[in-house]
Amino acid sequence: MPEAGARRPPERYDVVVVGGRVAGASTALLLARAGHRVAVVDRVRFPSDTLSTHLIWPAGVHLLDEWGVLPELLAAGTPRLRRIRCDVDGVAIDIPVWPESGVDALCAPRRPLLDSTLLTAAAGAGAAVFEQVTVDGVARDGDGRVCGVLGRDRHGRPLQLRASLVVGADGWRSRVARDVGVAGERDQPARNAIHYAYWTGLDDRGIELSYRSPELMAGVFPTNGGACVWVNCDNRRVDELRGDLDAGYLGFLGAAAPDLVVRLHEAARVTPIRGTTGLPGIVRAPWGPGWVLVGDAGCTNDPASAHGITAALLDARLAASAIDTALRDPTRAVTAMRGFHATRDRIGRDIYDLGWAMAGYGWDTATMLELQRRFAAALVAEAREVSELPRWPAETRTDLPVASTG
């Protein structure tokens, strides 16, 4: 990683991306391929794990394939997931991944692999990557427009990166969003507590989803080297689950998916249990003078939908295209950004609302079956719309001229 000291002059880029995980790395990858001078800063050193829903729905698989990233994930052992078994209070539906979505398999890579693969691709396209950087805030010019970021490297030395535009890809607690003063819209309170661990030796039945009225969900996402086995509950019960976490995890799994717990007797848990008591739902306006928000910084989906990674990939595609237009022709900047905002909301609104309807608990069998039907239809519609987006050369070409980041 390049390091900057107090006496080093500020670096100048077209775009500085704050956050190097899915949304940030993908945005940087596309903009670097389009020939822009891009820097990415993140507080961690990659590869690095993070709490995740793992699953990538059809639209996200399509984008990873377009960008040439999917083959590397598969070569690293990410399984192709061709079937989904959904059990709602004992009403079980076993279906293949929807062929009408344009893809025949989903995937659920572990985050150290996914994030590092995307960030390495961004660096290979010419983006400068600054790891172990703490961002203290955005920089502003004399007119108050955002013009870069201020931070510290891992030694505590000042780091200033100036840019025409700052992309906040720094999660739902986004420092960029807070600094630019953008408020949330259509906010949802945290209700859904999520806990998971990785297992080996579990027989592979593809994606498994289980719902038990009125307040439990569980499932399996086969991933690299085993399976992610998860259980969700209304967070008003989280103390019950966490009183004895190992016993609570298995007990809640047994109530949500009895057959799964029996099968786990033949498997081995290979990691500690990780989790959260819930994430708030936040939708923010994703752009303003000198800044753009992508991923959870702009819109936080509840993990009940497992749509966070797919939404981050789609945000990156829409935002990067708009940013490219704005940088090449500033007279079109406002129109391009408004288009990004409108398209993000139009494509994602139904999935966001359905995810939060699941996360609100209190549903019965008939209600959840209808939510699942509508959710599947929304995922297919999203994938179709993504496949019909105008082809942007930066998605597939790696031979575009890229400015030096020296």
Protein backbone atom coordinates (compact mmCIF):
# COMPACT_ATOMS: atom_id res chain seq x y z
CA MET A 1 0.00 0.00 0.00
CA PRO A 2 1.31 3.48 -0.77
CA GLU A 3 1.81 5.46 2.40
CA ALA A 4 1.66 9.22 2.81
CA GLY A 5 3.32 11.33 5.47
CA ALA A 6 2.52 14.78 6.82
CA ARG A 7 4.89 16.51 4.39
CA ARG A 8 3.76 14.65 1.31
CA PRO A 9 1.61 16.80 -1.03
CA PRO A 10 -2.01 15.73 -1.49
CA GLU A 11 -2.67 13.13 -4.15
CA ARG A 12 -5.14 14.11 -6.86
CA TYR A 13 -7.61 11.64 -8.34
CA ASP A 14 -10.76 11.76 -10.39
CA VAL A 15 -12.55 9.61 -7.79
CA VAL A 16 -11.75 8.52 -4.23
CA VAL A 17 -13.78 5.54 -3.04
CA VAL A 18 -14.18 5.15 0.73
CA GLY A 19 -14.65 1.42 1.40
CA GLY A 20 -13.02 -1.45 -0.45
CA ARG A 21 -15.61 -4.19 -0.11
CA VAL A 22 -18.21 -5.22 -2.70
CA ALA A 23 -19.78 -1.86 -3.54
CA GLY A 24 -16.57 0.16 -3.35
CA ALA A 25 -14.27 -2.32 -5.06
CA SER A 26 -16.78 -2.85 -7.90
CA THR A 27 -17.23 0.89 -8.44
CA ALA A 28 -13.47 1.37 -8.48
CA LEU A 29 -13.01 -1.55 -10.88
CA LEU A 30 -15.46 -0.15 -13.41
CA LEU A 31 -14.19 3.43 -13.20
CA ALA A 32 -10.56 2.35 -13.49
CA ARG A 33 -11.41 0.26 -16.53
CA ALA A 34 -13.09 3.34 -18.00
CA GLY A 35 -9.76 5.17 -17.75
CA HIS A 36 -10.33 7.29 -14.67
CA ARG A 37 -7.75 7.94 -11.97
CA VAL A 38 -9.22 6.14 -8.95
CA ALA A 39 -8.13 5.58 -5.34
CA VAL A 40 -9.74 3.22 -2.81
CA VAL A 41 -9.24 3.59 0.94
CA ASP A 42 -10.30 1.11 3.61
CA ARG A 43 -9.62 0.75 7.32
CA VAL A 44 -8.76 -2.97 7.08
CA ARG A 45 -6.12 -5.01 5.32
CA PHE A 46 -7.48 -7.52 2.82
CA PRO A 47 -8.34 -10.35 2.74
CA SER A 48 -10.68 -9.60 5.62
CA ASP A 49 -13.91 -11.18 6.81
CA THR A 50 -17.12 -9.32 7.64
CA LEU A 51 -20.68 -10.15 8.63
CA SER A 52 -22.49 -11.13 5.46
CA THR A 53 -25.56 -12.75 3.97
CA HIS A 54 -23.29 -14.52 1.44
CA LEU A 55 -25.89 -15.25 -1.24
CA ILE A 56 -25.73 -13.53 -4.64
CA TRP A 57 -29.03 -13.46 -6.52
CA PRO A 58 -29.35 -13.69 -10.35
CA ALA A 59 -28.74 -9.99 -11.12
CA GLY A 60 -25.53 -10.06 -9.12
CA VAL A 61 -24.33 -13.28 -10.76
CA HIS A 62 -25.00 -11.71 -14.15
CA LEU A 63 -22.90 -8.64 -13.29
CA LEU A 64 -19.98 -10.66 -11.91
CA ASP A 65 -20.01 -12.71 -15.09
CA GLU A 66 -20.13 -9.56 -17.26
CA TRP A 67 -17.14 -8.15 -15.43
CA GLY A 68 -15.10 -11.35 -15.79
CA VAL A 69 -14.96 -11.91 -12.00
CA LEU A 70 -17.27 -14.92 -11.68
CA PRO A 71 -14.87 -17.49 -13.21
CA GLU A 72 -12.23 -16.65 -10.60
CA LEU A 73 -14.72 -17.10 -7.76
CA LEU A 74 -15.79 -20.47 -9.14
CA ALA A 75 -12.19 -21.57 -9.71
CA ALA A 76 -11.50 -20.83 -6.02
CA GLY A 77 -14.09 -23.42 -5.02
CA THR A 78 -17.29 -21.38 -4.79
CA PRO A 79 -20.05 -23.91 -5.54
CA ARG A 80 -22.71 -23.35 -8.17
CA LEU A 81 -26.09 -23.43 -6.45
CA ARG A 82 -28.77 -24.68 -8.84
CA ARG A 83 -31.65 -25.52 -6.49
CA ILE A 84 -33.60 -23.71 -3.79
CA ARG A 85 -35.65 -25.52 -1.16
CA CYS A 86 -38.08 -23.25 0.65
CA ASP A 87 -40.02 -24.61 3.64
CA VAL A 88 -42.73 -22.46 5.22
CA ASP A 89 -44.27 -24.11 8.29
CA GLY A 90 -43.85 -27.52 6.68
CA VAL A 91 -45.07 -26.48 3.21
CA ALA A 92 -41.96 -27.29 1.16
CA ILE A 93 -41.20 -26.11 -2.37
CA ASP A 94 -38.12 -27.38 -4.21
CA ILE A 95 -37.32 -25.46 -7.38
CA PRO A 96 -34.40 -24.95 -9.75
CA VAL A 97 -32.90 -21.47 -9.97
CA TRP A 98 -35.23 -19.60 -12.25
CA PRO A 99 -34.13 -20.07 -15.89
CA GLU A 100 -36.17 -17.01 -16.83
CA SER A 101 -33.71 -14.92 -14.79
CA GLY A 102 -31.00 -15.49 -17.38
CA VAL A 103 -28.69 -17.48 -15.06
CA ASP A 104 -28.88 -21.15 -14.11
CA ALA A 105 -27.00 -21.04 -10.81
CA LEU A 106 -26.43 -18.74 -7.85
CA CYS A 107 -23.37 -18.57 -5.62
CA ALA A 108 -22.52 -17.63 -2.03
CA PRO A 109 -18.78 -16.95 -1.74
CA ARG A 110 -17.20 -16.18 1.59
CA ARG A 111 -16.34 -12.53 1.95
CA PRO A 112 -12.54 -12.73 2.20
CA LEU A 113 -12.61 -14.28 -1.26
CA LEU A 114 -15.28 -12.07 -2.83
CA ASP A 115 -14.01 -8.74 -1.54
CA SER A 116 -10.35 -9.48 -2.26
CA THR A 117 -11.12 -10.74 -5.76
CA LEU A 118 -12.99 -7.56 -6.64
CA LEU A 119 -10.39 -5.29 -5.03
CA THR A 120 -7.52 -7.10 -6.75
CA ALA A 121 -9.33 -6.70 -10.07
CA ALA A 122 -9.72 -2.97 -9.36
CA ALA A 123 -6.02 -2.64 -8.61
CA GLY A 124 -5.20 -4.61 -11.75
CA ALA A 125 -7.28 -2.12 -13.74
CA GLY A 126 -5.20 0.75 -12.34
CA ALA A 127 -6.92 1.80 -9.10
CA ALA A 128 -4.61 2.82 -6.23
CA VAL A 129 -5.51 0.91 -3.08
CA PHE A 130 -4.77 2.38 0.35
CA GLU A 131 -5.39 -0.16 3.13
CA GLN A 132 -5.44 0.39 6.90
CA VAL A 133 -6.53 4.00 6.44
CA THR A 134 -8.84 5.75 8.90
CA VAL A 135 -11.03 8.32 7.16
CA ASP A 136 -11.70 11.28 9.44
CA GLY A 137 -14.00 13.14 7.07
CA VAL A 138 -14.47 14.68 3.66
CA ALA A 139 -12.52 17.69 2.41
CA ARG A 140 -14.33 20.68 0.93
CA ASP A 141 -13.31 23.47 -1.42
CA GLY A 142 -14.03 27.17 -0.92
CA ASP A 143 -17.56 26.76 -2.24
CA GLY A 144 -18.35 23.96 0.19
CA ARG A 145 -18.26 21.24 -2.47
CA VAL A 146 -16.77 17.89 -1.44
CA CYS A 147 -13.31 17.61 -3.01
CA GLY A 148 -11.63 14.64 -1.34
CA VAL A 149 -11.05 12.87 1.97
CA LEU A 150 -8.91 13.47 5.04
CA GLY A 151 -7.55 10.60 7.06
CA ARG A 152 -4.62 8.83 8.68
CA ASP A 153 -2.50 5.91 7.55
CA ARG A 154 -1.73 2.94 9.80
CA HIS A 155 1.08 4.88 11.46
CA GLY A 156 -1.22 7.75 12.33
CA ARG A 157 0.29 10.06 9.72
CA PRO A 158 -2.05 12.47 7.88
CA LEU A 159 -3.34 11.35 4.51
CA GLN A 160 -5.18 13.70 2.16
CA LEU A 161 -6.57 12.52 -1.15
CA ARG A 162 -8.16 15.14 -3.37
CA ALA A 163 -10.68 14.20 -6.04
CA SER A 164 -13.38 15.52 -8.30
CA LEU A 165 -15.78 13.14 -6.58
CA VAL A 166 -15.92 11.02 -3.42
CA VAL A 167 -17.81 7.72 -3.36
CA GLY A 168 -19.05 6.58 0.04
CA ALA A 169 -19.09 2.77 0.07
CA ASP A 170 -18.57 2.62 3.82
CA GLY A 171 -21.65 0.80 5.07
CA TRP A 172 -24.84 1.78 6.82
CA ARG A 173 -22.90 3.81 9.41
CA SER A 174 -21.29 5.72 6.52
CA ARG A 175 -18.91 8.46 7.60
CA VAL A 176 -19.27 10.02 4.16
CA ALA A 177 -23.08 10.17 4.47
CA ARG A 178 -22.79 11.69 7.92
CA ASP A 179 -20.26 14.30 6.81
CA VAL A 180 -22.27 15.44 3.79
CA GLY A 181 -25.39 15.67 5.95
CA VAL A 182 -27.71 13.41 3.96
CA ALA A 183 -30.65 12.12 5.98
CA GLY A 184 -32.32 8.73 5.77
CA GLU A 185 -35.69 8.16 4.11
CA ARG A 186 -38.19 5.30 4.58
CA ASP A 187 -36.18 4.15 7.61
CA GLN A 188 -36.98 0.84 9.30
CA PRO A 189 -36.13 -0.14 12.89
CA ALA A 190 -33.83 -3.11 13.44
CA ARG A 191 -35.93 -6.21 14.16
CA ASN A 192 -34.09 -9.20 12.69
CA ALA A 193 -31.30 -10.81 14.73
CA ILE A 194 -28.98 -12.94 12.58
CA HIS A 195 -26.49 -15.60 13.73
CA TYR A 196 -24.46 -18.05 11.67
CA ALA A 197 -21.46 -20.37 11.64
CA TYR A 198 -19.59 -22.44 9.06
CA TRP A 199 -19.87 -26.21 8.95
CA THR A 200 -18.15 -29.02 7.06
CA GLY A 201 -19.54 -32.46 6.31
CA LEU A 202 -23.15 -31.32 5.86
CA ASP A 203 -24.86 -33.13 2.99
CA ASP A 204 -25.35 -30.68 0.12
CA ARG A 205 -28.98 -30.02 -0.77
CA GLY A 206 -28.37 -26.63 -2.38
CA ILE A 207 -29.86 -23.47 -0.92
CA GLU A 208 -32.17 -24.19 2.02
CA LEU A 209 -34.63 -21.65 3.42
CA SER A 210 -36.91 -22.40 6.35
CA TYR A 211 -39.56 -20.17 7.93
CA ARG A 212 -41.54 -20.91 11.09
CA SER A 213 -44.39 -18.68 12.21
CA PRO A 214 -44.26 -16.25 13.77
CA GLU A 215 -40.62 -15.37 14.44
CA LEU A 216 -37.95 -17.76 13.15
CA MET A 217 -35.99 -18.22 9.93
CA ALA A 218 -33.09 -20.55 9.18
CA GLY A 219 -31.16 -21.88 6.25
CA VAL A 220 -28.06 -23.13 4.54
CA PHE A 221 -25.90 -21.47 1.89
CA PRO A 222 -23.22 -23.85 0.57
CA THR A 223 -20.01 -21.85 0.26
CA ASN A 224 -16.25 -22.26 -0.06
CA GLY A 225 -15.09 -25.23 1.98
CA GLY A 226 -18.44 -26.08 3.51
CA ALA A 227 -21.71 -24.34 4.33
CA CYS A 228 -22.96 -21.25 6.12
CA VAL A 229 -25.75 -22.35 8.47
CA TRP A 230 -27.80 -19.47 9.81
CA VAL A 231 -30.76 -18.74 12.05
CA ASN A 232 -32.70 -15.48 12.39
CA CYS A 233 -35.17 -14.44 15.06
CA ASP A 234 -37.16 -11.45 16.18
CA ASN A 235 -34.58 -9.47 18.14
CA ARG A 236 -36.89 -9.32 21.13
CA ARG A 237 -35.76 -12.93 21.67
CA VAL A 238 -32.05 -12.29 21.26
CA ASP A 239 -31.25 -12.52 24.98
CA GLU A 240 -32.82 -15.96 24.99
CA LEU A 241 -30.62 -17.00 22.08
CA ARG A 242 -27.43 -15.44 23.43
CA GLY A 243 -27.76 -16.53 27.06
CA ASP A 244 -25.83 -19.66 26.06
CA LEU A 245 -24.89 -18.94 22.46
CA ASP A 246 -23.90 -22.47 21.40
CA ALA A 247 -27.04 -24.00 22.89
CA GLY A 248 -29.25 -21.13 21.79
CA TYR A 249 -28.03 -21.34 18.19
CA LEU A 250 -28.78 -25.05 17.96
CA GLY A 251 -32.04 -24.70 19.86
CA PHE A 252 -33.36 -21.98 17.59
CA LEU A 253 -32.18 -23.93 14.54
CA GLY A 254 -34.05 -26.97 15.84
CA ALA A 255 -37.25 -24.96 16.19
CA ALA A 256 -36.90 -23.36 12.75
CA ALA A 257 -35.58 -26.34 10.77
CA PRO A 258 -35.87 -29.64 12.69
CA ASP A 259 -34.52 -31.79 9.85
CA LEU A 260 -31.47 -29.55 9.45
CA VAL A 261 -30.43 -29.91 13.09
CA VAL A 262 -30.60 -33.71 12.80
CA ARG A 263 -28.28 -33.57 9.77
CA LEU A 264 -25.85 -31.31 11.64
CA HIS A 265 -25.15 -34.24 13.99
CA GLU A 266 -23.15 -35.75 11.11
CA ALA A 267 -21.31 -32.48 10.41
CA ALA A 268 -18.74 -30.36 12.24
CA ARG A 269 -18.90 -26.69 13.13
CA VAL A 270 -15.51 -25.18 12.23
CA THR A 271 -15.95 -21.54 13.29
CA PRO A 272 -17.39 -19.60 16.19
CA ILE A 273 -20.96 -18.32 15.87
CA ARG A 274 -21.14 -14.76 14.56
CA GLY A 275 -24.12 -12.46 14.51
CA THR A 276 -25.85 -9.17 15.03
CA THR A 277 -28.97 -8.10 16.87
CA GLY A 278 -30.20 -6.43 13.71
CA LEU A 279 -29.57 -3.70 11.16
CA PRO A 280 -31.74 -0.63 10.64
CA GLY A 281 -33.23 -0.04 7.21
CA ILE A 282 -31.94 3.21 5.74
CA VAL A 283 -32.59 4.70 2.31
CA ARG A 284 -30.55 7.82 1.56
CA ALA A 285 -30.44 10.14 -1.43
CA PRO A 286 -27.31 8.76 -3.13
CA TRP A 287 -25.65 11.84 -4.57
CA GLY A 288 -24.91 15.51 -4.09
CA PRO A 289 -22.21 18.10 -4.89
CA GLY A 290 -19.00 16.11 -5.16
CA TRP A 291 -20.26 12.87 -3.58
CA VAL A 292 -22.08 9.61 -4.33
CA LEU A 293 -23.22 6.78 -2.03
CA VAL A 294 -23.30 3.10 -3.03
CA GLY A 295 -24.17 -0.14 -1.28
CA ASP A 296 -25.36 -0.04 2.33
CA ALA A 297 -24.27 3.60 2.60
CA GLY A 298 -27.09 4.49 0.23
CA CYS A 299 -29.65 1.78 1.00
CA THR A 300 -29.56 -0.89 3.71
CA ASN A 301 -31.56 -4.02 2.91
CA ASP A 302 -32.49 -6.30 5.78
CA PRO A 303 -30.52 -9.57 5.69
CA ALA A 304 -33.82 -11.47 5.51
CA SER A 305 -33.73 -10.74 1.78
CA ALA A 306 -30.05 -11.76 1.40
CA HIS A 307 -29.99 -8.98 -1.18
CA GLY A 308 -27.20 -6.79 0.17
CA ILE A 309 -24.39 -8.09 -2.06
CA THR A 310 -26.54 -8.08 -5.19
CA ALA A 311 -27.74 -4.54 -4.42
CA ALA A 312 -24.13 -3.42 -3.91
CA LEU A 313 -23.07 -4.84 -7.28
CA LEU A 314 -26.00 -3.18 -9.03
CA ASP A 315 -25.33 0.14 -7.28
CA ALA A 316 -21.73 -0.02 -8.48
CA ARG A 317 -22.81 -0.61 -12.07
CA LEU A 318 -25.37 2.21 -12.08
CA ALA A 319 -23.23 4.70 -10.15
CA ALA A 320 -20.02 4.06 -12.09
CA SER A 321 -21.77 4.62 -15.40
CA ALA A 322 -23.28 7.89 -14.13
CA ILE A 323 -19.93 9.03 -12.68
CA ASP A 324 -18.19 8.25 -15.96
CA THR A 325 -20.72 10.43 -17.81
CA ALA A 326 -20.37 13.24 -15.26
CA LEU A 327 -16.56 13.25 -15.41
CA ARG A 328 -16.44 13.23 -19.20
CA ASP A 329 -19.14 15.86 -19.67
CA PRO A 330 -19.90 18.00 -16.59
CA THR A 331 -22.89 19.54 -18.38
CA ARG A 332 -24.59 16.13 -18.15
CA ALA A 333 -23.62 15.42 -14.54
CA VAL A 334 -26.94 16.29 -12.87
CA THR A 335 -28.96 14.35 -15.44
CA ALA A 336 -26.69 11.31 -15.06
CA MET A 337 -26.89 11.34 -11.28
CA ARG A 338 -30.64 11.78 -11.26
CA GLY A 339 -30.84 8.80 -13.59
CA PHE A 340 -28.73 6.69 -11.21
CA HIS A 341 -30.93 7.69 -8.27
CA ALA A 342 -34.20 6.97 -10.09
CA THR A 343 -33.05 3.64 -11.51
CA ARG A 344 -31.68 2.46 -8.15
CA ASP A 345 -35.00 3.21 -6.47
CA ARG A 346 -37.15 1.78 -9.25
CA ILE A 347 -35.30 -1.53 -9.48
CA GLY A 348 -34.74 -1.98 -5.77
CA ARG A 349 -37.94 -0.68 -4.17
CA ASP A 350 -39.98 -3.89 -4.25
CA ILE A 351 -37.14 -6.07 -3.01
CA TYR A 352 -36.35 -3.63 -0.20
CA ASP A 353 -39.96 -3.55 0.94
CA LEU A 354 -40.41 -7.32 0.71
CA GLY A 355 -37.24 -7.95 2.70
CA TRP A 356 -38.44 -5.69 5.47
CA ALA A 357 -41.87 -7.34 5.43
CA MET A 358 -40.14 -10.67 6.12
CA ALA A 359 -37.90 -9.09 8.76
CA GLY A 360 -40.86 -7.61 10.61
CA TYR A 361 -42.04 -11.07 11.73
CA GLY A 362 -45.60 -11.65 12.80
CA TRP A 363 -46.45 -13.33 9.47
CA ASP A 364 -48.39 -16.58 9.17
CA THR A 365 -47.96 -19.40 6.65
CA ALA A 366 -50.14 -17.91 3.92
CA THR A 367 -48.55 -14.47 4.25
CA MET A 368 -44.99 -15.82 4.04
CA LEU A 369 -45.81 -18.02 1.04
CA GLU A 370 -47.16 -14.94 -0.74
CA LEU A 371 -44.10 -12.91 0.27
CA GLN A 372 -41.86 -15.63 -1.15
CA ARG A 373 -43.82 -15.73 -4.41
CA ARG A 374 -43.57 -11.96 -4.83
CA PHE A 375 -39.92 -11.95 -3.83
CA ALA A 376 -39.02 -14.56 -6.45
CA ALA A 377 -40.88 -12.56 -9.11
CA ALA A 378 -39.03 -9.39 -8.07
CA LEU A 379 -35.65 -11.13 -8.29
CA VAL A 380 -36.42 -12.38 -11.79
CA ALA A 381 -37.60 -8.92 -12.86
CA GLU A 382 -34.42 -7.37 -11.44
CA ALA A 383 -32.23 -9.85 -13.30
CA ARG A 384 -34.03 -9.23 -16.57
CA GLU A 385 -33.68 -5.47 -16.19
CA VAL A 386 -29.99 -5.76 -15.40
CA SER A 387 -29.41 -7.94 -18.45
CA GLU A 388 -31.10 -5.28 -20.59
CA LEU A 389 -29.04 -2.34 -19.33
CA PRO A 390 -27.19 -0.60 -22.16
CA ARG A 391 -23.83 -2.27 -22.61
CA TRP A 392 -21.06 -0.16 -21.11
CA PRO A 393 -17.58 -0.97 -22.46
CA ALA A 394 -15.95 -0.64 -19.02
CA GLU A 395 -17.87 -3.71 -17.85
CA THR A 396 -16.17 -6.14 -20.16
CA ARG A 397 -13.04 -4.50 -21.55
CA THR A 398 -9.75 -4.52 -19.69
CA ASP A 399 -7.70 -2.85 -22.43
CA LEU A 400 -9.03 0.69 -21.94
CA PRO A 401 -6.33 3.29 -21.28
CA VAL A 402 -5.92 3.94 -17.56
CA ALA A 403 -4.23 6.98 -16.11
CA SER A 404 -1.12 6.36 -14.02
CA THR A 405 -1.59 6.33 -10.26
CA GLY A 406 2.10 6.79 -9.55
